[in-house]
Amino acid sequence: MKRDRVLLAHGGGGSLTRELIETMLLPRLENPLLKPLDDSAVLVMGNSGYAFTSDSYVVTPYLFPGGDIGRLAVCGTVNDLAVMGAQPFWLSLSLILEEGLPLTDLSTIVDSIHAAAAEVGAQVVTGDTKVVERGKCEGLYINTAGLGKISVPYWLGSANVKPGDAVIINGPIGEHGVAVMSRREGVAFQTSVTSDCAPLWPLVKAILDTGARIRAMRDPTRGGVAGAVCDIARASNVGIRLFEDAIPISGEVRGACDLLGLDPLTIANEGKVLVFCGAKDAEPVLAAMKNHPLGRQARVIGEVSTKPEGMALLRTTIGGERIIDMPTGEDLPRIC
């Protein structure tokens, strides 16, 4: 480690998160199932493959336009399974509650958990509850784990991407992060942007049902699209070029980012999926996405090449190129 204390940015999903994992955690815990560092571990039991994941949610405020921490927790866990090609079946739910949390808010959040899980046919089958003293957490934190069955006869993963592949996204980026920030004390501003928080398994199933050979998928949460493409370029040792004029960004998100001095590529999403597939498969994948409510605005936003190895570039609207840097941390913490 280059530092002797944990920083807030170590939890931001960027280069400091990777530093923490690679220097502190992997040397002590490394094994073949953990080493790929994909969104879920792939487990083989009998003749079937399963994806297993775990995540924690510390978003503030815990109620935000378009969702709440409960819906976020289910969607985040379901989506980590879905991008590995796994249908989500079972979830755990652990709640860390702050003394004084209004029970009406807790009721709303638990109802959201139930509703979001029902959207994909998943069940909460185990869990835990702890209460901490007032002031020791921001209302509540949630930890989840999820188990799903892989529905394709091959493994998806960040290291599978190849030169010539297309990069596709299912819709506008940055909506979740902007929606949360718009209600945050000290940052609040007026906008009608709502979080894109959604369980992606139905969309992913529609993509897989095309029969296209998908190399990898990634839900660009912490670190946004920038963090995801930098991760995948490094894992597959390829170059990834995104086209600035093809990336869907709403006017309100762009305006909010300009106001706050943020790059939309680094803003967290909770209902978006990046799909990497062979160029010949891009058309049927894009068609399947556009036929689903969560993919109406899907677009091809980039391509994979041999160089620059391990790097991602943005081809700008004026024809130049700039490096897409892995974010150091989050521009604002507590987004997911």
Protein backbone atom coordinates (compact mmCIF):
# COMPACT_ATOMS: atom_id res chain seq x y z
CA MET A 1 0.00 0.00 0.00
CA LYS A 2 1.20 3.51 -0.83
CA ARG A 3 -0.74 4.90 2.16
CA ASP A 4 -0.89 3.93 5.81
CA ARG A 5 -4.59 4.77 6.40
CA VAL A 6 -7.85 3.90 4.67
CA LEU A 7 -9.21 6.83 2.66
CA LEU A 8 -12.80 7.46 1.65
CA ALA A 9 -11.68 7.06 -1.97
CA HIS A 10 -10.65 3.44 -1.26
CA GLY A 11 -14.37 2.62 -1.44
CA GLY A 12 -15.06 4.49 -4.68
CA GLY A 13 -14.59 1.67 -7.17
CA GLY A 14 -11.59 3.33 -8.85
CA SER A 15 -7.83 2.96 -8.81
CA LEU A 16 -7.58 3.21 -5.01
CA THR A 17 -10.15 0.43 -4.60
CA ARG A 18 -8.06 -1.75 -6.90
CA GLU A 19 -4.92 -0.82 -4.96
CA LEU A 20 -6.59 -1.85 -1.70
CA ILE A 21 -7.74 -5.17 -3.18
CA GLU A 22 -4.47 -6.03 -4.91
CA THR A 23 -2.10 -5.08 -2.09
CA MET A 24 -4.10 -5.81 1.05
CA LEU A 25 -6.75 -8.44 0.24
CA LEU A 26 -5.59 -10.62 -2.65
CA PRO A 27 -2.18 -11.53 -1.20
CA ARG A 28 -3.93 -12.89 1.89
CA LEU A 29 -7.08 -14.38 0.36
CA GLU A 30 -6.17 -15.28 -3.24
CA ASN A 31 -7.63 -18.45 -4.71
CA PRO A 32 -8.75 -19.44 -8.24
CA LEU A 33 -12.37 -18.44 -7.62
CA LEU A 34 -11.52 -14.98 -6.29
CA LYS A 35 -8.66 -14.11 -8.65
CA PRO A 36 -10.75 -13.02 -11.71
CA LEU A 37 -12.32 -10.20 -9.62
CA ASP A 38 -15.47 -10.20 -11.76
CA ASP A 39 -18.84 -9.01 -10.47
CA SER A 40 -19.57 -12.51 -9.14
CA ALA A 41 -17.60 -15.65 -8.44
CA VAL A 42 -18.37 -18.59 -10.75
CA LEU A 43 -18.95 -21.85 -8.87
CA VAL A 44 -19.40 -25.32 -10.36
CA MET A 45 -21.65 -27.75 -8.51
CA GLY A 46 -22.39 -31.01 -10.27
CA ASN A 47 -23.04 -30.25 -13.93
CA SER A 48 -24.24 -26.70 -13.29
CA GLY A 49 -22.55 -23.34 -12.96
CA TYR A 50 -23.63 -20.81 -10.37
CA ALA A 51 -22.74 -17.17 -9.75
CA PHE A 52 -22.29 -15.95 -6.19
CA THR A 53 -21.91 -12.33 -5.14
CA SER A 54 -22.00 -10.06 -2.11
CA ASP A 55 -22.37 -6.29 -1.77
CA SER A 56 -23.00 -3.55 0.78
CA TYR A 57 -25.04 -0.37 0.39
CA VAL A 58 -24.38 2.89 2.24
CA VAL A 59 -26.20 5.39 0.01
CA THR A 60 -27.20 8.72 1.47
CA PRO A 61 -29.91 9.87 1.44
CA TYR A 62 -31.47 6.43 1.69
CA LEU A 63 -34.63 7.67 -0.07
CA PHE A 64 -33.95 9.29 -3.47
CA PRO A 65 -35.83 10.09 -6.70
CA GLY A 66 -36.63 6.82 -8.44
CA GLY A 67 -35.83 4.46 -5.60
CA ASP A 68 -34.40 3.85 -2.16
CA ILE A 69 -31.62 1.86 -0.53
CA GLY A 70 -33.79 -1.29 -0.47
CA ARG A 71 -34.46 -1.33 -4.20
CA LEU A 72 -30.83 -0.40 -4.80
CA ALA A 73 -29.59 -3.35 -2.73
CA VAL A 74 -31.69 -5.90 -4.62
CA CYS A 75 -30.95 -4.43 -8.04
CA GLY A 76 -27.23 -4.19 -7.37
CA THR A 77 -27.02 -7.81 -6.27
CA VAL A 78 -29.29 -9.13 -9.03
CA ASN A 79 -27.31 -7.20 -11.63
CA ASP A 80 -23.97 -8.57 -10.45
CA LEU A 81 -25.39 -12.04 -11.06
CA ALA A 82 -27.07 -11.13 -14.34
CA VAL A 83 -23.90 -9.80 -15.98
CA MET A 84 -22.35 -13.22 -15.40
CA GLY A 85 -25.27 -14.77 -17.31
CA ALA A 86 -26.92 -16.05 -14.13
CA GLN A 87 -30.61 -16.05 -13.28
CA PRO A 88 -30.95 -14.79 -9.70
CA PHE A 89 -32.76 -17.14 -7.32
CA TRP A 90 -31.76 -16.51 -3.70
CA LEU A 91 -30.71 -13.44 -1.72
CA SER A 92 -29.56 -12.78 1.80
CA LEU A 93 -30.44 -9.53 3.57
CA SER A 94 -28.53 -8.04 6.49
CA LEU A 95 -29.67 -4.74 7.98
CA ILE A 96 -27.60 -2.38 10.12
CA LEU A 97 -30.12 0.03 11.60
CA GLU A 98 -29.45 3.28 13.43
CA GLU A 99 -31.30 3.94 16.67
CA GLY A 100 -34.06 6.43 15.89
CA LEU A 101 -34.69 5.32 12.29
CA PRO A 102 -38.40 5.97 11.57
CA LEU A 103 -40.23 2.67 11.25
CA THR A 104 -42.30 4.15 8.40
CA ASP A 105 -39.07 4.56 6.40
CA LEU A 106 -37.99 1.02 7.25
CA SER A 107 -41.38 -0.28 6.14
CA THR A 108 -41.05 1.55 2.82
CA ILE A 109 -37.58 0.13 2.26
CA VAL A 110 -38.55 -3.46 3.08
CA ASP A 111 -41.53 -3.18 0.73
CA SER A 112 -39.12 -2.01 -1.99
CA ILE A 113 -36.87 -5.00 -1.33
CA HIS A 114 -39.81 -7.37 -1.73
CA ALA A 115 -41.06 -5.69 -4.90
CA ALA A 116 -37.66 -5.56 -6.60
CA ALA A 117 -36.93 -9.22 -5.82
CA ALA A 118 -40.37 -10.22 -7.13
CA GLU A 119 -39.60 -8.53 -10.46
CA VAL A 120 -37.04 -11.25 -11.20
CA GLY A 121 -38.54 -14.12 -9.20
CA ALA A 122 -35.84 -14.02 -6.51
CA GLN A 123 -36.42 -14.70 -2.83
CA VAL A 124 -34.81 -13.36 0.34
CA VAL A 125 -34.05 -16.60 2.18
CA THR A 126 -31.78 -15.57 5.07
CA GLY A 127 -30.45 -12.50 6.82
CA ASP A 128 -29.46 -10.66 9.95
CA THR A 129 -30.36 -7.46 11.81
CA LYS A 130 -28.17 -5.26 13.98
CA VAL A 131 -28.91 -1.89 15.63
CA VAL A 132 -26.20 0.68 16.39
CA GLU A 133 -26.29 3.80 18.54
CA ARG A 134 -27.68 7.05 17.22
CA GLY A 135 -25.10 8.81 15.06
CA LYS A 136 -23.17 5.62 14.25
CA CYS A 137 -24.65 5.19 10.75
CA GLU A 138 -26.71 7.26 8.35
CA GLY A 139 -30.12 5.73 9.03
CA LEU A 140 -29.33 2.25 7.80
CA TYR A 141 -26.82 0.23 5.83
CA ILE A 142 -27.64 -2.96 3.94
CA ASN A 143 -25.53 -5.98 3.04
CA THR A 144 -26.74 -8.58 0.57
CA ALA A 145 -25.49 -11.75 -1.04
CA GLY A 146 -26.97 -13.46 -4.06
CA LEU A 147 -26.85 -16.86 -5.74
CA GLY A 148 -27.97 -17.50 -9.30
CA LYS A 149 -27.74 -20.27 -11.88
CA ILE A 150 -25.73 -19.58 -15.03
CA SER A 151 -27.99 -19.98 -18.04
CA VAL A 152 -25.43 -20.20 -20.86
CA PRO A 153 -22.96 -23.03 -21.61
CA TYR A 154 -19.91 -20.78 -21.26
CA TRP A 155 -18.48 -18.32 -18.74
CA LEU A 156 -18.63 -14.59 -19.22
CA GLY A 157 -15.81 -12.52 -17.81
CA SER A 158 -13.73 -9.37 -18.12
CA ALA A 159 -10.75 -11.30 -19.51
CA ASN A 160 -12.73 -12.65 -22.50
CA VAL A 161 -12.98 -9.44 -24.55
CA LYS A 162 -11.22 -9.57 -27.94
CA PRO A 163 -10.15 -7.08 -30.63
CA GLY A 164 -13.00 -6.47 -33.06
CA ASP A 165 -15.71 -6.70 -30.39
CA ALA A 166 -18.44 -4.08 -30.18
CA VAL A 167 -19.32 -2.18 -27.00
CA ILE A 168 -23.05 -1.62 -26.40
CA ILE A 169 -24.96 0.12 -23.61
CA ASN A 170 -28.70 -0.04 -22.97
CA GLY A 171 -29.39 3.64 -22.36
CA PRO A 172 -28.39 7.05 -20.95
CA ILE A 173 -25.67 7.14 -18.32
CA GLY A 174 -25.24 9.02 -15.05
CA GLU A 175 -28.88 9.12 -13.95
CA HIS A 176 -28.48 7.33 -10.62
CA GLY A 177 -25.59 9.41 -9.38
CA VAL A 178 -27.22 12.70 -10.39
CA ALA A 179 -30.55 11.70 -8.81
CA VAL A 180 -28.87 10.93 -5.49
CA MET A 181 -26.72 14.05 -5.56
CA SER A 182 -29.75 16.22 -6.30
CA ARG A 183 -31.14 15.36 -2.85
CA ARG A 184 -27.95 15.44 -0.87
CA GLU A 185 -27.51 18.03 1.84
CA GLY A 186 -25.02 20.66 0.76
CA VAL A 187 -25.23 19.70 -2.93
CA ALA A 188 -28.99 19.74 -3.60
CA PHE A 189 -30.09 21.32 -6.87
CA GLN A 190 -33.29 21.25 -8.89
CA THR A 191 -33.61 18.51 -11.49
CA SER A 192 -36.24 16.02 -12.62
CA VAL A 193 -33.66 13.24 -13.10
CA THR A 194 -34.64 9.98 -11.40
CA SER A 195 -32.43 7.01 -10.66
CA ASP A 196 -32.22 4.32 -13.33
CA CYS A 197 -32.21 1.69 -10.56
CA ALA A 198 -33.62 -1.51 -12.11
CA PRO A 199 -33.04 -5.29 -12.02
CA LEU A 200 -31.37 -6.15 -15.32
CA TRP A 201 -31.94 -9.91 -15.50
CA PRO A 202 -34.99 -9.71 -17.84
CA LEU A 203 -32.99 -7.55 -20.28
CA VAL A 204 -29.91 -9.76 -20.00
CA LYS A 205 -32.03 -12.87 -20.64
CA ALA A 206 -33.40 -11.27 -23.81
CA ILE A 207 -29.81 -10.62 -24.94
CA LEU A 208 -28.68 -14.18 -24.18
CA ASP A 209 -31.77 -15.63 -25.91
CA THR A 210 -30.53 -14.20 -29.24
CA GLY A 211 -27.86 -16.89 -29.25
CA ALA A 212 -25.15 -14.26 -29.69
CA ARG A 213 -21.80 -15.12 -28.13
CA ILE A 214 -21.37 -12.55 -25.42
CA ARG A 215 -17.79 -12.06 -24.24
CA ALA A 216 -18.47 -10.02 -21.13
CA MET A 217 -21.03 -7.77 -19.47
CA ARG A 218 -20.58 -5.20 -16.75
CA ASP A 219 -22.96 -2.99 -14.80
CA PRO A 220 -21.11 0.34 -14.50
CA THR A 221 -21.92 1.26 -10.90
CA ARG A 222 -19.12 2.79 -8.77
CA GLY A 223 -16.60 4.40 -11.11
CA GLY A 224 -19.22 4.58 -13.87
CA VAL A 225 -18.57 3.67 -17.49
CA ALA A 226 -14.99 4.94 -17.20
CA GLY A 227 -14.15 2.56 -14.37
CA ALA A 228 -15.79 -0.40 -16.14
CA VAL A 229 -14.02 0.01 -19.50
CA CYS A 230 -10.65 0.65 -17.83
CA ASP A 231 -11.09 -2.52 -15.78
CA ILE A 232 -12.00 -4.62 -18.82
CA ALA A 233 -9.23 -3.18 -21.01
CA ARG A 234 -6.74 -4.13 -18.35
CA ALA A 235 -8.19 -7.60 -17.70
CA SER A 236 -8.29 -8.52 -21.41
CA ASN A 237 -5.11 -6.58 -22.36
CA VAL A 238 -6.92 -4.83 -25.20
CA GLY A 239 -7.61 -1.28 -26.28
CA ILE A 240 -11.16 0.03 -25.95
CA ARG A 241 -12.35 3.11 -27.86
CA LEU A 242 -15.59 4.81 -26.96
CA PHE A 243 -17.22 7.33 -29.29
CA GLU A 244 -18.23 10.49 -27.46
CA ASP A 245 -21.03 11.37 -29.87
CA ALA A 246 -22.57 7.88 -29.50
CA ILE A 247 -22.74 7.78 -25.69
CA PRO A 248 -26.32 8.56 -24.58
CA ILE A 249 -26.44 11.30 -21.94
CA SER A 250 -29.55 13.31 -21.15
CA GLY A 251 -29.39 17.09 -21.24
CA GLU A 252 -30.23 17.28 -17.53
CA VAL A 253 -27.44 14.89 -16.53
CA ARG A 254 -24.97 16.74 -18.73
CA GLY A 255 -26.08 20.06 -17.26
CA ALA A 256 -25.78 18.78 -13.68
CA CYS A 257 -22.30 17.41 -14.38
CA ASP A 258 -21.23 20.74 -15.90
CA LEU A 259 -22.61 22.55 -12.84
CA LEU A 260 -20.71 20.31 -10.42
CA GLY A 261 -17.59 19.88 -12.53
CA LEU A 262 -18.10 16.12 -12.99
CA ASP A 263 -17.46 13.75 -15.91
CA PRO A 264 -20.61 11.77 -16.82
CA LEU A 265 -18.39 8.79 -17.63
CA THR A 266 -17.43 8.47 -13.96
CA ILE A 267 -20.94 8.81 -12.50
CA ALA A 268 -22.58 5.72 -10.96
CA ASN A 269 -25.40 3.88 -12.76
CA GLU A 270 -27.74 1.25 -11.33
CA GLY A 271 -29.77 0.16 -14.35
CA LYS A 272 -27.21 0.08 -17.14
CA VAL A 273 -25.28 -2.79 -18.66
CA LEU A 274 -22.23 -2.67 -20.92
CA VAL A 275 -22.22 -5.58 -23.37
CA PHE A 276 -19.10 -6.75 -25.20
CA CYS A 277 -19.78 -9.05 -28.15
CA GLY A 278 -18.37 -9.89 -31.57
CA ALA A 279 -19.09 -7.25 -34.21
CA LYS A 280 -21.28 -9.68 -36.19
CA ASP A 281 -23.45 -10.22 -33.13
CA ALA A 282 -23.93 -6.52 -32.41
CA GLU A 283 -27.02 -6.12 -34.60
CA PRO A 284 -29.16 -8.89 -33.03
CA VAL A 285 -28.02 -7.88 -29.53
CA LEU A 286 -28.94 -4.26 -30.20
CA ALA A 287 -32.32 -5.29 -31.62
CA ALA A 288 -33.09 -7.44 -28.57
CA MET A 289 -32.16 -4.59 -26.24
CA LYS A 290 -34.33 -2.07 -28.07
CA ASN A 291 -37.30 -4.43 -27.87
CA HIS A 292 -37.10 -4.42 -24.07
CA PRO A 293 -38.32 -1.51 -21.89
CA LEU A 294 -34.89 -1.22 -20.25
CA GLY A 295 -33.10 -0.97 -23.59
CA ARG A 296 -35.16 1.37 -25.76
CA GLN A 297 -32.22 3.76 -26.11
CA ALA A 298 -29.51 1.14 -26.54
CA ARG A 299 -26.55 2.10 -28.70
CA VAL A 300 -23.20 0.82 -29.91
CA ILE A 301 -20.82 3.19 -28.16
CA GLY A 302 -17.41 1.75 -28.94
CA GLU A 303 -15.13 -0.92 -30.29
CA VAL A 304 -12.25 -3.07 -29.10
CA SER A 305 -8.83 -3.08 -30.75
CA THR A 306 -5.38 -4.52 -30.13
CA LYS A 307 -3.85 -1.20 -29.08
CA PRO A 308 -3.27 0.62 -26.86
CA GLU A 309 -3.01 -2.51 -24.74
CA GLY A 310 -4.77 -2.27 -21.41
CA MET A 311 -6.11 1.23 -22.03
CA ALA A 312 -9.40 2.92 -22.87
CA LEU A 313 -9.70 5.98 -25.10
CA LEU A 314 -12.51 8.41 -25.92
CA ARG A 315 -12.83 9.58 -29.52
CA THR A 316 -14.16 13.09 -29.09
CA THR A 317 -16.81 14.85 -31.13
CA ILE A 318 -14.13 16.96 -32.83
CA GLY A 319 -12.15 13.91 -33.95
CA GLY A 320 -9.40 13.81 -31.36
CA GLU A 321 -8.74 11.17 -28.72
CA ARG A 322 -8.14 11.35 -25.01
CA ILE A 323 -7.29 8.71 -22.43
CA ILE A 324 -10.14 7.56 -20.23
CA ASP A 325 -8.55 7.42 -16.81
CA MET A 326 -9.58 5.00 -14.13
CA PRO A 327 -11.21 7.22 -11.47
CA THR A 328 -9.20 7.50 -8.27
CA GLY A 329 -12.35 7.28 -6.15
CA GLU A 330 -15.88 8.60 -6.34
CA ASP A 331 -16.51 12.29 -7.04
CA LEU A 332 -19.02 12.09 -4.21
CA PRO A 333 -19.17 9.09 -1.85
CA ARG A 334 -22.22 7.21 -0.55
CA ILE A 335 -23.79 6.86 -4.02
CA CYS A 336 -24.39 3.12 -3.80
